[in-house]
C-alpha atoms as a PDB file:
ATOM      1  CA  MET A   1      17.881  30.067   2.231  1.00  0.00           C
ATOM      2  CA  THR A   2      20.180  27.830   3.976  1.00  0.00           C
ATOM      3  CA  ILE A   3      19.865  24.559   5.968  1.00  0.00           C
ATOM      4  CA  PRO A   4      21.137  24.685   9.578  1.00  0.00           C
ATOM      5  CA  VAL A   5      22.839  21.289   9.220  1.00  0.00           C
ATOM      6  CA  GLN A   6      24.049  21.279  12.637  1.00  0.00           C
ATOM      7  CA  THR A   7      20.422  20.567  13.938  1.00  0.00           C
ATOM      8  CA  ILE A   8      19.867  17.609  11.355  1.00  0.00           C
ATOM      9  CA  THR A   9      20.693  13.896  12.632  1.00  0.00           C
ATOM     10  CA  SER A  10      19.223  11.740   9.907  1.00  0.00           C
ATOM     11  CA  LEU A  11      17.672  12.036   6.580  1.00  0.00           C
ATOM     12  CA  ARG A  12      15.730   9.279   4.947  1.00  0.00           C
ATOM     13  CA  THR A  13      14.297   9.669   1.425  1.00  0.00           C
ATOM     14  CA  SER A  14      12.822   7.081  -0.935  1.00  0.00           C
ATOM     15  CA  PHE A  15      12.180   8.197  -4.516  1.00  0.00           C
ATOM     16  CA  ASN A  16      12.030   6.770  -8.162  1.00  0.00           C
ATOM     17  CA  PRO A  17      15.503   8.528  -9.779  1.00  0.00           C
ATOM     18  CA  PHE A  18      13.774   8.471 -13.243  1.00  0.00           C
ATOM     19  CA  SER A  19      10.544  10.457 -12.095  1.00  0.00           C
ATOM     20  CA  LYS A  20      10.330  14.054 -12.464  1.00  0.00           C
ATOM     21  CA  SER A  21       8.812  14.768  -9.092  1.00  0.00           C
ATOM     22  CA  ALA A  22      11.973  13.179  -7.420  1.00  0.00           C
ATOM     23  CA  ARG A  23      14.177  16.119  -8.492  1.00  0.00           C
ATOM     24  CA  PRO A  24      13.908  17.821  -5.207  1.00  0.00           C
ATOM     25  CA  CYS A  25      15.025  14.635  -3.310  1.00  0.00           C
ATOM     26  CA  ARG A  26      17.882  14.228  -5.697  1.00  0.00           C
ATOM     27  CA  LEU A  27      18.900  17.862  -5.156  1.00  0.00           C
ATOM     28  CA  LEU A  28      18.443  17.633  -1.514  1.00  0.00           C
ATOM     29  CA  LEU A  29      20.913  14.829  -1.274  1.00  0.00           C
ATOM     30  CA  SER A  30      23.657  16.394  -3.458  1.00  0.00           C
ATOM     31  CA  ILE A  31      23.351  19.414  -1.046  1.00  0.00           C
ATOM     32  CA  LEU A  32      23.528  17.208   2.031  1.00  0.00           C
ATOM     33  CA  ARG A  33      26.115  15.019   1.113  1.00  0.00           C
ATOM     34  CA  ASN A  34      29.407  16.713   1.590  1.00  0.00           C
ATOM     35  CA  PRO A  35      32.973  16.100   3.327  1.00  0.00           C
ATOM     36  CA  ASN A  36      31.315  18.009   6.552  1.00  0.00           C
ATOM     37  CA  THR A  37      28.544  15.687   6.804  1.00  0.00           C
ATOM     38  CA  ALA A  38      29.893  12.442   5.757  1.00  0.00           C
ATOM     39  CA  SER A  39      32.584  11.753   8.535  1.00  0.00           C
ATOM     40  CA  ALA A  40      31.032   9.934  11.363  1.00  0.00           C
ATOM     41  CA  SER A  41      33.570  11.891  13.715  1.00  0.00           C
ATOM     42  CA  SER A  42      32.380  15.374  12.461  1.00  0.00           C
ATOM     43  CA  PRO A  43      30.051  17.345  14.857  1.00  0.00           C
ATOM     44  CA  THR A  44      27.577  18.052  11.651  1.00  0.00           C
ATOM     45  CA  HIS A  45      27.597  14.277  10.722  1.00  0.00           C
ATOM     46  CA  ILE A  46      24.203  13.138   9.023  1.00  0.00           C
ATOM     47  CA  ASP A  47      23.049   9.660   8.584  1.00  0.00           C
ATOM     48  CA  ILE A  48      21.784   9.348   5.133  1.00  0.00           C
ATOM     49  CA  LYS A  49      19.475   6.441   3.956  1.00  0.00           C
ATOM     50  CA  VAL A  50      18.104   6.284   0.407  1.00  0.00           C
ATOM     51  CA  LYS A  51      15.714   3.902  -0.963  1.00  0.00           C
ATOM     52  CA  GLN A  52      15.608   3.808  -4.633  1.00  0.00           C
ATOM     53  CA  LEU A  53      12.273   2.689  -6.029  1.00  0.00           C
ATOM     54  CA  PRO A  54      12.029   0.874  -9.385  1.00  0.00           C
ATOM     55  CA  ARG A  55      11.429   2.676 -12.578  1.00  0.00           C
ATOM     56  CA  VAL A  56       7.771   1.491 -13.043  1.00  0.00           C
ATOM     57  CA  SER A  57       6.797   2.157  -9.215  1.00  0.00           C
ATOM     58  CA  THR A  58       3.980   4.582  -8.516  1.00  0.00           C
ATOM     59  CA  GLU A  59       5.053   5.405  -5.048  1.00  0.00           C
ATOM     60  CA  GLN A  60       5.459   9.123  -4.574  1.00  0.00           C
ATOM     61  CA  PRO A  61       8.817  10.474  -3.413  1.00  0.00           C
ATOM     62  CA  GLU A  62       9.199  11.553   0.129  1.00  0.00           C
ATOM     63  CA  VAL A  63      11.718  12.661   2.585  1.00  0.00           C
ATOM     64  CA  THR A  64      11.933  12.196   6.387  1.00  0.00           C
ATOM     65  CA  VAL A  65      14.423  14.323   8.437  1.00  0.00           C
ATOM     66  CA  ALA A  66      15.376  13.612  11.920  1.00  0.00           C
ATOM     67  CA  PHE A  67      16.436  16.657  14.060  1.00  0.00           C
ATOM     68  CA  LYS A  68      18.295  17.173  17.354  1.00  0.00           C
ATOM     69  CA  GLY A  69      16.002  16.520  20.399  1.00  0.00           C
ATOM     70  CA  GLY A  70      14.113  13.778  18.598  1.00  0.00           C
ATOM     71  CA  LYS A  71      11.769  16.065  16.479  1.00  0.00           C
ATOM     72  CA  GLU A  72      10.917  14.383  13.047  1.00  0.00           C
ATOM     73  CA  LEU A  73       9.718  16.099   9.792  1.00  0.00           C
ATOM     74  CA  LYS A  74       8.042  14.110   6.862  1.00  0.00           C
ATOM     75  CA  ILE A  75       7.747  15.891   3.676  1.00  0.00           C
ATOM     76  CA  GLU A  76       5.636  14.293   0.905  1.00  0.00           C
ATOM     77  CA  VAL A  77       7.442  15.728  -1.902  1.00  0.00           C
ATOM     78  CA  GLY A  78       5.580  14.105  -4.792  1.00  0.00           C
ATOM     79  CA  LYS A  79       2.031  14.303  -3.237  1.00  0.00           C
ATOM     80  CA  ARG A  80       2.469  18.062  -2.691  1.00  0.00           C
ATOM     81  CA  GLN A  81       4.317  18.776  -5.815  1.00  0.00           C
ATOM     82  CA  MET A  82       7.055  20.601  -4.022  1.00  0.00           C
ATOM     83  CA  LYS A  83      10.074  22.141  -5.767  1.00  0.00           C
ATOM     84  CA  ILE A  84      13.719  21.983  -3.783  1.00  0.00           C
ATOM     85  CA  GLY A  85      13.198  25.568  -2.384  1.00  0.00           C
ATOM     86  CA  ASP A  86       9.911  24.350  -0.673  1.00  0.00           C
ATOM     87  CA  VAL A  87      11.717  21.542   0.612  1.00  0.00           C
ATOM     88  CA  ILE A  88      14.654  23.738   2.008  1.00  0.00           C
ATOM     89  CA  GLU A  89      12.353  26.245   3.350  1.00  0.00           C
ATOM     90  CA  GLU A  90      10.386  23.452   5.485  1.00  0.00           C
ATOM     91  CA  ILE A  91      13.710  22.040   6.686  1.00  0.00           C
ATOM     92  CA  ALA A  92      15.335  25.246   7.558  1.00  0.00           C
ATOM     93  CA  ARG A  93      12.004  26.714   9.406  1.00  0.00           C
ATOM     94  CA  VAL A  94      12.205  23.621  11.678  1.00  0.00           C
ATOM     95  CA  GLY A  95      15.837  23.692  11.906  1.00  0.00           C
ATOM     96  CA  ARG A  96      15.760  27.500  12.896  1.00  0.00           C
ATOM     97  CA  ALA A  97      13.120  26.862  15.582  1.00  0.00           C
ATOM     98  CA  ILE A  98      15.236  24.006  17.063  1.00  0.00           C
ATOM     99  CA  GLU A  99      18.354  26.262  16.950  1.00  0.00           C
ATOM    100  CA  ARG A 100      16.138  29.097  18.779  1.00  0.00           C
ATOM    101  CA  GLU A 101      15.320  26.641  21.559  1.00  0.00           C
ATOM    102  CA  GLU A 102      18.839  25.492  22.170  1.00  0.00           C
ATOM    103  CA  SER A 103      19.800  29.114  22.408  1.00  0.00           C
ATOM    104  CA  LEU A 104      17.039  29.994  25.009  1.00  0.00           C
ATOM    105  CA  LYS A 105      18.223  27.054  27.080  1.00  0.00           C
ATOM    106  CA  GLY A 106      21.707  28.204  26.738  1.00  0.00           C
END
């Protein structure tokens, strides 16, 4: 399953890096932080903001993804006990829908 990166405009995440339930957030960041998405002049640029919670925090990890057209997807990774495959699948599903809308508009 691939993520349609060209449809994503920003990614915000908050997690405790020492928590096991934060693994999907860490892996998603490693997937999306690459030379193509880092440069502000790149057409696939993604504005990434990370909030690292303290080690003793009980707040659950979450990811918010903003897509082109203003659509936003908030995924409560910790509360839903999601794995990285589930997170990628959710993001890809919305991204494909946006790509489909753009292709129909032509």
